[in-house]
């Protein structure tokens, strides 16, 4: 028994009870320490007794309504408090450096698949240590309460919050695959489109501003109200419309920002020059109020603006975008 008692006092003590000791020493109260540690008072008392047994001397004087550090307890406190603080700081640094930096982006599916995702490879090449989490949804996101860092939205100027940054506007134009156009007589005027199926958004009339995306609007501006195409094809999403045009199923009235890449590669061809239709809708970037100070968010936003500038130039918008940060 004497041998066991001696070995307990000469070996290095375990650190498991030091947090309980620090809490009691800070509050000079077992009850307050128990509240801080989310334990019951007897559990804290047992931890202190076990620590005193390991140290070999009392660390606290227990009075009826108060607790007081002994000389040994004061001496131990001077070592424990800064040591645990250094440990906690080191653990926080390790967790921060080990944790991946993530940018969470919310936008709608067509913009994600047709504009954003094709460009993400360049971002990953430039910033390989930043991960992207994409939420492709039409449901509005509350940046005040959600874990989303930024959103890209498609809306009228009056329907976005004040901090929103306009990335670029929109034009619509008839596009088709080259081989479809080669398989039919030349298209010289809008009236020649009657030989094709016309592809458009199927639910455009659910809201007034979406009516700008319809063939009816374009045909009216060309003085072709009574034209009857070979047939109509309706789709709910812009990426479906573009895919149908790419596969040669007809001529699509396409949003130029979303098909500019396909037009640049020649996969889609603008059918009639000089007939682009300006839309009042635009593409907007909104950054969450708690996200703008993070370096990874700044990096992503500035990268996004550089690519948006290229789209602006495709649309003939000459004013340069200014960096957000």
C-alpha atoms as a PDB file:
ATOM      1  CA  UNK A   1       0.000   0.000   0.000  1.00  0.00           C
ATOM      2  CA  UNK A   2       2.855   2.334   0.866  1.00  0.00           C
ATOM      3  CA  UNK A   3       4.521   1.490  -2.470  1.00  0.00           C
ATOM      4  CA  UNK A   4       1.332   2.332  -4.383  1.00  0.00           C
ATOM      5  CA  UNK A   5       0.941   5.650  -2.524  1.00  0.00           C
ATOM      6  CA  UNK A   6       4.566   6.570  -3.324  1.00  0.00           C
ATOM      7  CA  UNK A   7       4.242   5.730  -7.023  1.00  0.00           C
ATOM      8  CA  UNK A   8       1.130   7.868  -7.343  1.00  0.00           C
ATOM      9  CA  UNK A   9       3.038  10.891  -6.080  1.00  0.00           C
ATOM     10  CA  UNK A  10       6.137  10.474  -8.231  1.00  0.00           C
ATOM     11  CA  UNK A  11       4.628   9.694 -11.643  1.00  0.00           C
ATOM     12  CA  UNK A  12       3.383  12.434 -14.001  1.00  0.00           C
ATOM     13  CA  UNK A  13      -0.221  13.237 -13.183  1.00  0.00           C
ATOM     14  CA  UNK A  14      -2.992  12.694 -15.684  1.00  0.00           C
ATOM     15  CA  UNK A  15      -4.517  15.821 -17.204  1.00  0.00           C
ATOM     16  CA  UNK A  16      -8.117  14.648 -17.176  1.00  0.00           C
ATOM     17  CA  UNK A  17      -9.036  16.486 -13.984  1.00  0.00           C
ATOM     18  CA  UNK A  18      -7.223  19.753 -14.704  1.00  0.00           C
ATOM     19  CA  UNK A  19     -10.211  21.407 -16.374  1.00  0.00           C
ATOM     20  CA  UNK A  20     -12.316  20.756 -13.297  1.00  0.00           C
ATOM     21  CA  UNK A  21      -9.512  22.184 -11.151  1.00  0.00           C
ATOM     22  CA  UNK A  22      -9.290  25.300 -13.354  1.00  0.00           C
ATOM     23  CA  UNK A  23     -13.063  25.831 -13.258  1.00  0.00           C
ATOM     24  CA  UNK A  24     -13.234  25.549  -9.454  1.00  0.00           C
ATOM     25  CA  UNK A  25     -10.198  27.810  -9.052  1.00  0.00           C
ATOM     26  CA  UNK A  26     -11.718  30.404 -11.366  1.00  0.00           C
ATOM     27  CA  UNK A  27     -15.105  30.488  -9.644  1.00  0.00           C
ATOM     28  CA  UNK A  28     -14.018  29.404  -6.126  1.00  0.00           C
ATOM     29  CA  UNK A  29     -17.240  27.437  -6.154  1.00  0.00           C
ATOM     30  CA  UNK A  30     -17.940  23.784  -6.876  1.00  0.00           C
ATOM     31  CA  UNK A  31     -21.494  24.617  -7.913  1.00  0.00           C
ATOM     32  CA  UNK A  32     -20.455  27.316 -10.439  1.00  0.00           C
ATOM     33  CA  UNK A  33     -17.731  25.039 -11.799  1.00  0.00           C
ATOM     34  CA  UNK A  34     -20.275  22.252 -12.245  1.00  0.00           C
ATOM     35  CA  UNK A  35     -22.532  24.614 -14.214  1.00  0.00           C
ATOM     36  CA  UNK A  36     -19.658  25.642 -16.472  1.00  0.00           C
ATOM     37  CA  UNK A  37     -18.649  22.054 -17.153  1.00  0.00           C
ATOM     38  CA  UNK A  38     -22.241  20.777 -17.502  1.00  0.00           C
ATOM     39  CA  UNK A  39     -21.646  18.257 -14.715  1.00  0.00           C
ATOM     40  CA  UNK A  40     -23.255  17.724 -11.344  1.00  0.00           C
ATOM     41  CA  UNK A  41     -21.517  19.071  -8.260  1.00  0.00           C
ATOM     42  CA  UNK A  42     -20.570  15.661  -6.868  1.00  0.00           C
ATOM     43  CA  UNK A  43     -18.824  14.723 -10.124  1.00  0.00           C
ATOM     44  CA  UNK A  44     -16.674  17.861  -9.946  1.00  0.00           C
ATOM     45  CA  UNK A  45     -15.902  17.165  -6.291  1.00  0.00           C
ATOM     46  CA  UNK A  46     -14.771  13.614  -7.138  1.00  0.00           C
ATOM     47  CA  UNK A  47     -12.470  14.937  -9.891  1.00  0.00           C
ATOM     48  CA  UNK A  48     -10.838  17.405  -7.502  1.00  0.00           C
ATOM     49  CA  UNK A  49     -10.396  14.694  -4.848  1.00  0.00           C
ATOM     50  CA  UNK A  50      -8.776  12.421  -7.424  1.00  0.00           C
ATOM     51  CA  UNK A  51      -6.429  15.219  -8.522  1.00  0.00           C
ATOM     52  CA  UNK A  52      -5.467  15.980  -4.906  1.00  0.00           C
ATOM     53  CA  UNK A  53      -4.754  12.300  -4.381  1.00  0.00           C
ATOM     54  CA  UNK A  54      -2.414  12.325  -7.381  1.00  0.00           C
ATOM     55  CA  UNK A  55      -0.677  15.554  -6.335  1.00  0.00           C
ATOM     56  CA  UNK A  56      -0.450  14.415  -2.726  1.00  0.00           C
ATOM     57  CA  UNK A  57      -1.624  17.595  -1.003  1.00  0.00           C
ATOM     58  CA  UNK A  58      -4.920  19.514  -0.694  1.00  0.00           C
ATOM     59  CA  UNK A  59      -5.509  22.098  -3.411  1.00  0.00           C
ATOM     60  CA  UNK A  60      -8.568  23.761  -1.861  1.00  0.00           C
ATOM     61  CA  UNK A  61      -9.729  24.636   1.611  1.00  0.00           C
ATOM     62  CA  UNK A  62     -13.425  23.759   1.913  1.00  0.00           C
ATOM     63  CA  UNK A  63     -15.356  26.190   4.087  1.00  0.00           C
ATOM     64  CA  UNK A  64     -19.077  26.039   4.800  1.00  0.00           C
ATOM     65  CA  UNK A  65     -20.038  28.552   2.136  1.00  0.00           C
ATOM     66  CA  UNK A  66     -16.781  29.158   0.310  1.00  0.00           C
ATOM     67  CA  UNK A  67     -13.798  27.499  -1.324  1.00  0.00           C
ATOM     68  CA  UNK A  68     -10.238  28.803  -1.045  1.00  0.00           C
ATOM     69  CA  UNK A  69      -7.079  27.837  -2.897  1.00  0.00           C
ATOM     70  CA  UNK A  70      -4.258  26.502  -0.786  1.00  0.00           C
ATOM     71  CA  UNK A  71      -0.692  27.570  -1.430  1.00  0.00           C
ATOM     72  CA  UNK A  72      -0.164  24.417  -3.501  1.00  0.00           C
ATOM     73  CA  UNK A  73      -3.385  25.106  -5.386  1.00  0.00           C
ATOM     74  CA  UNK A  74      -2.266  28.651  -6.206  1.00  0.00           C
ATOM     75  CA  UNK A  75       1.074  27.345  -7.415  1.00  0.00           C
ATOM     76  CA  UNK A  76      -0.605  24.726  -9.614  1.00  0.00           C
ATOM     77  CA  UNK A  77      -3.057  27.272 -10.990  1.00  0.00           C
ATOM     78  CA  UNK A  78      -0.186  29.445 -12.283  1.00  0.00           C
ATOM     79  CA  UNK A  79       0.974  26.505 -14.371  1.00  0.00           C
ATOM     80  CA  UNK A  80      -2.379  25.045 -15.398  1.00  0.00           C
ATOM     81  CA  UNK A  81      -4.168  28.196 -16.617  1.00  0.00           C
ATOM     82  CA  UNK A  82      -1.662  29.295 -19.307  1.00  0.00           C
ATOM     83  CA  UNK A  83      -0.913  25.701 -20.268  1.00  0.00           C
ATOM     84  CA  UNK A  84      -4.546  24.839 -20.979  1.00  0.00           C
ATOM     85  CA  UNK A  85      -4.971  28.143 -22.828  1.00  0.00           C
ATOM     86  CA  UNK A  86      -1.994  27.313 -25.045  1.00  0.00           C
ATOM     87  CA  UNK A  87      -3.382  23.842 -25.671  1.00  0.00           C
ATOM     88  CA  UNK A  88      -6.802  25.232 -26.588  1.00  0.00           C
ATOM     89  CA  UNK A  89      -5.276  27.814 -28.929  1.00  0.00           C
ATOM     90  CA  UNK A  90      -3.132  25.191 -30.599  1.00  0.00           C
ATOM     91  CA  UNK A  91      -6.110  22.878 -31.096  1.00  0.00           C
ATOM     92  CA  UNK A  92      -8.102  25.738 -32.634  1.00  0.00           C
ATOM     93  CA  UNK A  93      -5.246  26.478 -35.028  1.00  0.00           C
ATOM     94  CA  UNK A  94      -4.941  22.826 -35.984  1.00  0.00           C
ATOM     95  CA  UNK A  95      -8.676  22.538 -36.585  1.00  0.00           C
ATOM     96  CA  UNK A  96      -8.666  25.720 -38.675  1.00  0.00           C
ATOM     97  CA  UNK A  97      -5.709  24.656 -40.803  1.00  0.00           C
ATOM     98  CA  UNK A  98      -7.020  21.116 -41.193  1.00  0.00           C
ATOM     99  CA  UNK A  99     -10.537  22.208 -42.122  1.00  0.00           C
ATOM    100  CA  UNK A 100     -11.165  22.736 -45.820  1.00  0.00           C
ATOM    101  CA  UNK A 101     -12.159  26.184 -46.989  1.00  0.00           C
ATOM    102  CA  UNK A 102     -15.615  26.002 -48.570  1.00  0.00           C
ATOM    103  CA  UNK A 103     -17.602  28.473 -50.637  1.00  0.00           C
ATOM    104  CA  UNK A 104     -21.323  27.695 -50.659  1.00  0.00           C
ATOM    105  CA  UNK A 105     -23.130  29.006 -53.746  1.00  0.00           C
ATOM    106  CA  UNK A 106     -26.847  29.023 -54.463  1.00  0.00           C
ATOM    107  CA  UNK A 107     -28.199  29.601 -57.950  1.00  0.00           C
ATOM    108  CA  UNK A 108     -30.776  28.092 -60.288  1.00  0.00           C
ATOM    109  CA  UNK A 109     -30.105  24.877 -62.187  1.00  0.00           C
ATOM    110  CA  UNK A 110     -29.799  26.283 -65.710  1.00  0.00           C
ATOM    111  CA  UNK A 111     -27.284  28.946 -64.736  1.00  0.00           C
ATOM    112  CA  UNK A 112     -25.289  26.407 -62.735  1.00  0.00           C
ATOM    113  CA  UNK A 113     -25.094  23.876 -65.571  1.00  0.00           C
ATOM    114  CA  UNK A 114     -24.723  26.291 -68.506  1.00  0.00           C
ATOM    115  CA  UNK A 115     -22.592  29.121 -67.157  1.00  0.00           C
ATOM    116  CA  UNK A 116     -21.049  28.461 -63.755  1.00  0.00           C
ATOM    117  CA  UNK A 117     -20.013  24.796 -63.785  1.00  0.00           C
ATOM    118  CA  UNK A 118     -18.170  24.960 -67.149  1.00  0.00           C
ATOM    119  CA  UNK A 119     -15.987  27.726 -65.677  1.00  0.00           C
ATOM    120  CA  UNK A 120     -15.305  26.137 -62.292  1.00  0.00           C
ATOM    121  CA  UNK A 121     -12.293  24.205 -63.524  1.00  0.00           C
ATOM    122  CA  UNK A 122     -10.372  27.455 -63.891  1.00  0.00           C
ATOM    123  CA  UNK A 123     -11.266  28.426 -60.319  1.00  0.00           C
ATOM    124  CA  UNK A 124     -10.130  25.064 -58.988  1.00  0.00           C
ATOM    125  CA  UNK A 125      -6.888  25.409 -60.925  1.00  0.00           C
ATOM    126  CA  UNK A 126      -6.295  28.885 -59.494  1.00  0.00           C
ATOM    127  CA  UNK A 127      -7.456  28.050 -55.944  1.00  0.00           C
ATOM    128  CA  UNK A 128      -6.943  24.294 -55.398  1.00  0.00           C
ATOM    129  CA  UNK A 129      -7.404  24.587 -51.616  1.00  0.00           C
ATOM    130  CA  UNK A 130     -10.961  25.991 -51.839  1.00  0.00           C
ATOM    131  CA  UNK A 131     -13.937  23.647 -52.197  1.00  0.00           C
ATOM    132  CA  UNK A 132     -17.231  24.634 -53.813  1.00  0.00           C
ATOM    133  CA  UNK A 133     -20.635  23.515 -52.570  1.00  0.00           C
ATOM    134  CA  UNK A 134     -23.350  24.145 -55.151  1.00  0.00           C
ATOM    135  CA  UNK A 135     -27.030  24.446 -54.272  1.00  0.00           C
ATOM    136  CA  UNK A 136     -28.922  24.524 -57.560  1.00  0.00           C
ATOM    137  CA  UNK A 137     -32.424  25.609 -56.644  1.00  0.00           C
ATOM    138  CA  UNK A 138     -35.064  28.144 -57.638  1.00  0.00           C
ATOM    139  CA  UNK A 139     -36.070  28.545 -53.990  1.00  0.00           C
ATOM    140  CA  UNK A 140     -34.994  31.938 -52.560  1.00  0.00           C
ATOM    141  CA  UNK A 141     -32.288  31.725 -49.889  1.00  0.00           C
ATOM    142  CA  UNK A 142     -32.208  33.825 -46.730  1.00  0.00           C
ATOM    143  CA  UNK A 143     -28.537  34.753 -46.417  1.00  0.00           C
ATOM    144  CA  UNK A 144     -29.138  36.008 -42.879  1.00  0.00           C
ATOM    145  CA  UNK A 145     -30.035  32.569 -41.544  1.00  0.00           C
ATOM    146  CA  UNK A 146     -28.748  29.970 -44.014  1.00  0.00           C
ATOM    147  CA  UNK A 147     -25.243  28.562 -44.399  1.00  0.00           C
ATOM    148  CA  UNK A 148     -25.090  29.769 -48.018  1.00  0.00           C
ATOM    149  CA  UNK A 149     -22.318  32.302 -48.655  1.00  0.00           C
ATOM    150  CA  UNK A 150     -23.545  33.895 -51.864  1.00  0.00           C
ATOM    151  CA  UNK A 151     -26.265  33.615 -54.464  1.00  0.00           C
ATOM    152  CA  UNK A 152     -26.549  34.392 -58.162  1.00  0.00           C
ATOM    153  CA  UNK A 153     -30.083  35.298 -59.148  1.00  0.00           C
ATOM    154  CA  UNK A 154     -32.006  36.178 -62.310  1.00  0.00           C
ATOM    155  CA  UNK A 155     -34.410  39.042 -61.742  1.00  0.00           C
ATOM    156  CA  UNK A 156     -35.651  42.516 -62.576  1.00  0.00           C
ATOM    157  CA  UNK A 157     -33.647  45.358 -61.001  1.00  0.00           C
ATOM    158  CA  UNK A 158     -36.433  46.141 -58.542  1.00  0.00           C
ATOM    159  CA  UNK A 159     -36.620  42.573 -57.265  1.00  0.00           C
ATOM    160  CA  UNK A 160     -33.155  42.251 -55.745  1.00  0.00           C
ATOM    161  CA  UNK A 161     -31.854  43.644 -52.429  1.00  0.00           C
ATOM    162  CA  UNK A 162     -29.763  46.803 -52.359  1.00  0.00           C
ATOM    163  CA  UNK A 163     -26.349  45.096 -51.903  1.00  0.00           C
ATOM    164  CA  UNK A 164     -26.858  43.073 -55.103  1.00  0.00           C
ATOM    165  CA  UNK A 165     -24.255  43.559 -57.841  1.00  0.00           C
ATOM    166  CA  UNK A 166     -25.422  43.386 -61.455  1.00  0.00           C
ATOM    167  CA  UNK A 167     -23.161  40.922 -63.261  1.00  0.00           C
ATOM    168  CA  UNK A 168     -24.608  41.327 -66.747  1.00  0.00           C
ATOM    169  CA  UNK A 169     -27.850  41.852 -68.567  1.00  0.00           C
ATOM    170  CA  UNK A 170     -29.526  39.670 -71.135  1.00  0.00           C
ATOM    171  CA  UNK A 171     -30.327  39.446 -74.821  1.00  0.00           C
ATOM    172  CA  UNK A 172     -32.326  36.777 -76.605  1.00  0.00           C
ATOM    173  CA  UNK A 173     -31.661  35.498 -80.103  1.00  0.00           C
ATOM    174  CA  UNK A 174     -32.688  32.567 -82.336  1.00  0.00           C
ATOM    175  CA  UNK A 175     -30.037  29.823 -82.375  1.00  0.00           C
ATOM    176  CA  UNK A 176     -29.787  26.405 -83.981  1.00  0.00           C
ATOM    177  CA  UNK A 177     -27.267  23.671 -84.648  1.00  0.00           C
ATOM    178  CA  UNK A 178     -25.248  24.183 -87.863  1.00  0.00           C
ATOM    179  CA  UNK A 179     -26.274  20.845 -89.323  1.00  0.00           C
ATOM    180  CA  UNK A 180     -29.976  21.645 -88.866  1.00  0.00           C
ATOM    181  CA  UNK A 181     -29.519  24.891 -90.761  1.00  0.00           C
ATOM    182  CA  UNK A 182     -27.554  23.113 -93.480  1.00  0.00           C
ATOM    183  CA  UNK A 183     -30.356  20.598 -93.945  1.00  0.00           C
ATOM    184  CA  UNK A 184     -32.929  23.272 -94.857  1.00  0.00           C
ATOM    185  CA  UNK A 185     -33.205  26.199 -97.268  1.00  0.00           C
ATOM    186  CA  UNK A 186     -31.255  29.313 -96.176  1.00  0.00           C
ATOM    187  CA  UNK A 187     -32.770  31.471 -93.453  1.00  0.00           C
ATOM    188  CA  UNK A 188     -32.692  35.066 -94.706  1.00  0.00           C
ATOM    189  CA  UNK A 189     -35.624  36.589 -92.798  1.00  0.00           C
ATOM    190  CA  UNK A 190     -37.694  35.797 -89.758  1.00  0.00           C
ATOM    191  CA  UNK A 191     -40.432  34.421 -91.974  1.00  0.00           C
ATOM    192  CA  UNK A 192     -38.103  31.592 -93.020  1.00  0.00           C
ATOM    193  CA  UNK A 193     -38.304  30.184 -89.486  1.00  0.00           C
ATOM    194  CA  UNK A 194     -41.688  28.654 -90.291  1.00  0.00           C
ATOM    195  CA  UNK A 195     -39.890  25.663 -91.807  1.00  0.00           C
ATOM    196  CA  UNK A 196     -38.528  24.677 -88.379  1.00  0.00           C
ATOM    197  CA  UNK A 197     -39.845  23.631 -85.012  1.00  0.00           C
ATOM    198  CA  UNK A 198     -39.552  26.542 -82.591  1.00  0.00           C
ATOM    199  CA  UNK A 199     -38.329  25.806 -79.066  1.00  0.00           C
ATOM    200  CA  UNK A 200     -39.219  27.996 -76.114  1.00  0.00           C
ATOM    201  CA  UNK A 201     -39.850  28.077 -72.372  1.00  0.00           C
ATOM    202  CA  UNK A 202     -43.100  26.364 -71.508  1.00  0.00           C
ATOM    203  CA  UNK A 203     -44.129  28.285 -68.399  1.00  0.00           C
ATOM    204  CA  UNK A 204     -43.126  31.807 -69.405  1.00  0.00           C
ATOM    205  CA  UNK A 205     -46.624  33.187 -68.926  1.00  0.00           C
ATOM    206  CA  UNK A 206     -46.715  32.340 -65.233  1.00  0.00           C
ATOM    207  CA  UNK A 207     -45.291  35.820 -64.559  1.00  0.00           C
ATOM    208  CA  UNK A 208     -45.256  39.037 -66.511  1.00  0.00           C
ATOM    209  CA  UNK A 209     -41.511  39.503 -66.758  1.00  0.00           C
ATOM    210  CA  UNK A 210     -40.912  35.931 -67.991  1.00  0.00           C
ATOM    211  CA  UNK A 211     -43.059  36.744 -71.011  1.00  0.00           C
ATOM    212  CA  UNK A 212     -39.929  38.415 -72.398  1.00  0.00           C
ATOM    213  CA  UNK A 213     -38.523  34.932 -73.046  1.00  0.00           C
ATOM    214  CA  UNK A 214     -41.236  33.922 -75.515  1.00  0.00           C
ATOM    215  CA  UNK A 215     -41.142  33.624 -79.275  1.00  0.00           C
ATOM    216  CA  UNK A 216     -44.282  35.747 -79.353  1.00  0.00           C
ATOM    217  CA  UNK A 217     -42.334  38.731 -78.046  1.00  0.00           C
ATOM    218  CA  UNK A 218     -39.535  38.229 -80.578  1.00  0.00           C
ATOM    219  CA  UNK A 219     -41.907  37.649 -83.487  1.00  0.00           C
ATOM    220  CA  UNK A 220     -43.897  40.754 -82.618  1.00  0.00           C
ATOM    221  CA  UNK A 221     -40.757  42.891 -82.772  1.00  0.00           C
ATOM    222  CA  UNK A 222     -40.029  41.454 -86.216  1.00  0.00           C
ATOM    223  CA  UNK A 223     -43.566  42.114 -87.497  1.00  0.00           C
ATOM    224  CA  UNK A 224     -44.301  38.385 -87.724  1.00  0.00           C
ATOM    225  CA  UNK A 225     -47.336  37.993 -85.471  1.00  0.00           C
ATOM    226  CA  UNK A 226     -49.061  35.438 -87.698  1.00  0.00           C
ATOM    227  CA  UNK A 227     -46.187  33.063 -88.395  1.00  0.00           C
ATOM    228  CA  UNK A 228     -46.928  29.371 -87.836  1.00  0.00           C
ATOM    229  CA  UNK A 229     -43.853  27.157 -87.375  1.00  0.00           C
ATOM    230  CA  UNK A 230     -43.562  23.505 -88.303  1.00  0.00           C
ATOM    231  CA  UNK A 231     -44.355  22.688 -84.661  1.00  0.00           C
ATOM    232  CA  UNK A 232     -43.732  23.944 -81.131  1.00  0.00           C
ATOM    233  CA  UNK A 233     -41.492  22.413 -78.483  1.00  0.00           C
ATOM    234  CA  UNK A 234     -41.845  23.608 -74.877  1.00  0.00           C
ATOM    235  CA  UNK A 235     -39.444  23.028 -71.992  1.00  0.00           C
ATOM    236  CA  UNK A 236     -39.381  24.329 -68.435  1.00  0.00           C
ATOM    237  CA  UNK A 237     -35.656  24.986 -68.150  1.00  0.00           C
ATOM    238  CA  UNK A 238     -33.142  26.928 -70.226  1.00  0.00           C
ATOM    239  CA  UNK A 239     -30.656  24.059 -70.271  1.00  0.00           C
ATOM    240  CA  UNK A 240     -33.347  21.792 -71.750  1.00  0.00           C
ATOM    241  CA  UNK A 241     -34.048  24.361 -74.461  1.00  0.00           C
ATOM    242  CA  UNK A 242     -30.343  24.590 -75.286  1.00  0.00           C
ATOM    243  CA  UNK A 243     -29.958  20.810 -75.350  1.00  0.00           C
ATOM    244  CA  UNK A 244     -32.872  20.451 -77.754  1.00  0.00           C
ATOM    245  CA  UNK A 245     -31.291  23.046 -80.053  1.00  0.00           C
ATOM    246  CA  UNK A 246     -27.872  21.397 -79.827  1.00  0.00           C
ATOM    247  CA  UNK A 247     -29.381  18.068 -80.873  1.00  0.00           C
ATOM    248  CA  UNK A 248     -31.019  19.669 -83.915  1.00  0.00           C
ATOM    249  CA  UNK A 249     -34.634  19.449 -82.803  1.00  0.00           C
ATOM    250  CA  UNK A 250     -35.461  23.011 -83.803  1.00  0.00           C
ATOM    251  CA  UNK A 251     -34.597  26.692 -83.455  1.00  0.00           C
ATOM    252  CA  UNK A 252     -34.467  27.997 -79.899  1.00  0.00           C
ATOM    253  CA  UNK A 253     -35.021  31.505 -78.632  1.00  0.00           C
ATOM    254  CA  UNK A 254     -32.015  31.391 -76.332  1.00  0.00           C
ATOM    255  CA  UNK A 255     -30.625  33.597 -73.584  1.00  0.00           C
ATOM    256  CA  UNK A 256     -27.253  34.684 -74.916  1.00  0.00           C
ATOM    257  CA  UNK A 257     -25.432  34.652 -71.528  1.00  0.00           C
ATOM    258  CA  UNK A 258     -26.300  30.975 -71.165  1.00  0.00           C
ATOM    259  CA  UNK A 259     -25.414  29.860 -74.708  1.00  0.00           C
ATOM    260  CA  UNK A 260     -22.477  32.177 -75.408  1.00  0.00           C
ATOM    261  CA  UNK A 261     -19.998  29.308 -74.953  1.00  0.00           C
ATOM    262  CA  UNK A 262     -21.855  27.098 -77.431  1.00  0.00           C
ATOM    263  CA  UNK A 263     -22.013  29.998 -79.889  1.00  0.00           C
ATOM    264  CA  UNK A 264     -18.284  30.644 -79.481  1.00  0.00           C
ATOM    265  CA  UNK A 265     -17.412  27.005 -80.277  1.00  0.00           C
ATOM    266  CA  UNK A 266     -19.842  26.860 -83.206  1.00  0.00           C
ATOM    267  CA  UNK A 267     -22.030  24.198 -81.590  1.00  0.00           C
ATOM    268  CA  UNK A 268     -24.897  26.690 -81.878  1.00  0.00           C
ATOM    269  CA  UNK A 269     -25.195  29.328 -84.573  1.00  0.00           C
ATOM    270  CA  UNK A 270     -27.065  32.611 -84.381  1.00  0.00           C
ATOM    271  CA  UNK A 271     -29.702  32.213 -87.086  1.00  0.00           C
ATOM    272  CA  UNK A 272     -30.381  35.864 -87.989  1.00  0.00           C
ATOM    273  CA  UNK A 273     -27.951  38.708 -87.360  1.00  0.00           C
ATOM    274  CA  UNK A 274     -29.238  42.016 -86.069  1.00  0.00           C
ATOM    275  CA  UNK A 275     -32.352  40.583 -84.443  1.00  0.00           C
ATOM    276  CA  UNK A 276     -31.277  40.291 -80.820  1.00  0.00           C
ATOM    277  CA  UNK A 277     -33.975  41.213 -78.331  1.00  0.00           C
ATOM    278  CA  UNK A 278     -33.016  43.129 -75.197  1.00  0.00           C
ATOM    279  CA  UNK A 279     -34.495  41.773 -71.975  1.00  0.00           C
ATOM    280  CA  UNK A 280     -35.171  43.777 -68.803  1.00  0.00           C
ATOM    281  CA  UNK A 281     -33.904  40.847 -66.718  1.00  0.00           C
ATOM    282  CA  UNK A 282     -30.363  40.637 -65.429  1.00  0.00           C
ATOM    283  CA  UNK A 283     -28.025  38.366 -63.471  1.00  0.00           C
ATOM    284  CA  UNK A 284     -27.124  39.461 -59.945  1.00  0.00           C
ATOM    285  CA  UNK A 285     -24.542  38.516 -57.320  1.00  0.00           C
ATOM    286  CA  UNK A 286     -25.549  38.800 -53.653  1.00  0.00           C
ATOM    287  CA  UNK A 287     -23.005  38.064 -50.894  1.00  0.00           C
ATOM    288  CA  UNK A 288     -24.111  37.007 -47.423  1.00  0.00           C
ATOM    289  CA  UNK A 289     -23.571  39.579 -44.649  1.00  0.00           C
ATOM    290  CA  UNK A 290     -21.310  37.251 -42.651  1.00  0.00           C
ATOM    291  CA  UNK A 291     -19.325  35.909 -45.600  1.00  0.00           C
ATOM    292  CA  UNK A 292     -17.707  38.893 -47.274  1.00  0.00           C
ATOM    293  CA  UNK A 293     -14.712  39.077 -44.933  1.00  0.00           C
ATOM    294  CA  UNK A 294     -13.543  35.513 -45.561  1.00  0.00           C
ATOM    295  CA  UNK A 295     -10.588  35.299 -47.994  1.00  0.00           C
ATOM    296  CA  UNK A 296     -12.074  32.369 -49.899  1.00  0.00           C
ATOM    297  CA  UNK A 297     -15.311  34.291 -50.521  1.00  0.00           C
ATOM    298  CA  UNK A 298     -13.391  37.296 -51.790  1.00  0.00           C
ATOM    299  CA  UNK A 299     -11.328  35.086 -54.067  1.00  0.00           C
ATOM    300  CA  UNK A 300     -14.420  33.434 -55.521  1.00  0.00           C
ATOM    301  CA  UNK A 301     -16.304  36.701 -56.044  1.00  0.00           C
ATOM    302  CA  UNK A 302     -13.402  38.388 -57.796  1.00  0.00           C
ATOM    303  CA  UNK A 303     -12.927  35.316 -59.991  1.00  0.00           C
ATOM    304  CA  UNK A 304     -16.644  35.377 -60.800  1.00  0.00           C
ATOM    305  CA  UNK A 305     -16.493  39.047 -61.771  1.00  0.00           C
ATOM    306  CA  UNK A 306     -13.619  38.416 -64.176  1.00  0.00           C
ATOM    307  CA  UNK A 307     -15.649  35.803 -66.017  1.00  0.00           C
ATOM    308  CA  UNK A 308     -18.780  37.937 -65.887  1.00  0.00           C
ATOM    309  CA  UNK A 309     -16.818  40.695 -67.626  1.00  0.00           C
ATOM    310  CA  UNK A 310     -16.265  38.384 -70.604  1.00  0.00           C
ATOM    311  CA  UNK A 311     -20.006  37.745 -70.832  1.00  0.00           C
ATOM    312  CA  UNK A 312     -20.675  41.480 -70.613  1.00  0.00           C
ATOM    313  CA  UNK A 313     -18.417  42.020 -73.608  1.00  0.00           C
ATOM    314  CA  UNK A 314     -20.304  39.354 -75.554  1.00  0.00           C
ATOM    315  CA  UNK A 315     -23.470  41.362 -74.900  1.00  0.00           C
ATOM    316  CA  UNK A 316     -21.828  44.648 -75.895  1.00  0.00           C
ATOM    317  CA  UNK A 317     -21.729  46.011 -72.329  1.00  0.00           C
ATOM    318  CA  UNK A 318     -18.561  48.073 -72.317  1.00  0.00           C
ATOM    319  CA  UNK A 319     -18.534  49.361 -68.724  1.00  0.00           C
ATOM    320  CA  UNK A 320     -16.089  47.250 -66.694  1.00  0.00           C
ATOM    321  CA  UNK A 321     -17.116  45.545 -63.478  1.00  0.00           C
ATOM    322  CA  UNK A 322     -15.322  46.820 -60.399  1.00  0.00           C
ATOM    323  CA  UNK A 323     -13.907  44.293 -57.882  1.00  0.00           C
ATOM    324  CA  UNK A 324     -16.075  43.882 -54.821  1.00  0.00           C
ATOM    325  CA  UNK A 325     -13.127  43.807 -52.415  1.00  0.00           C
END
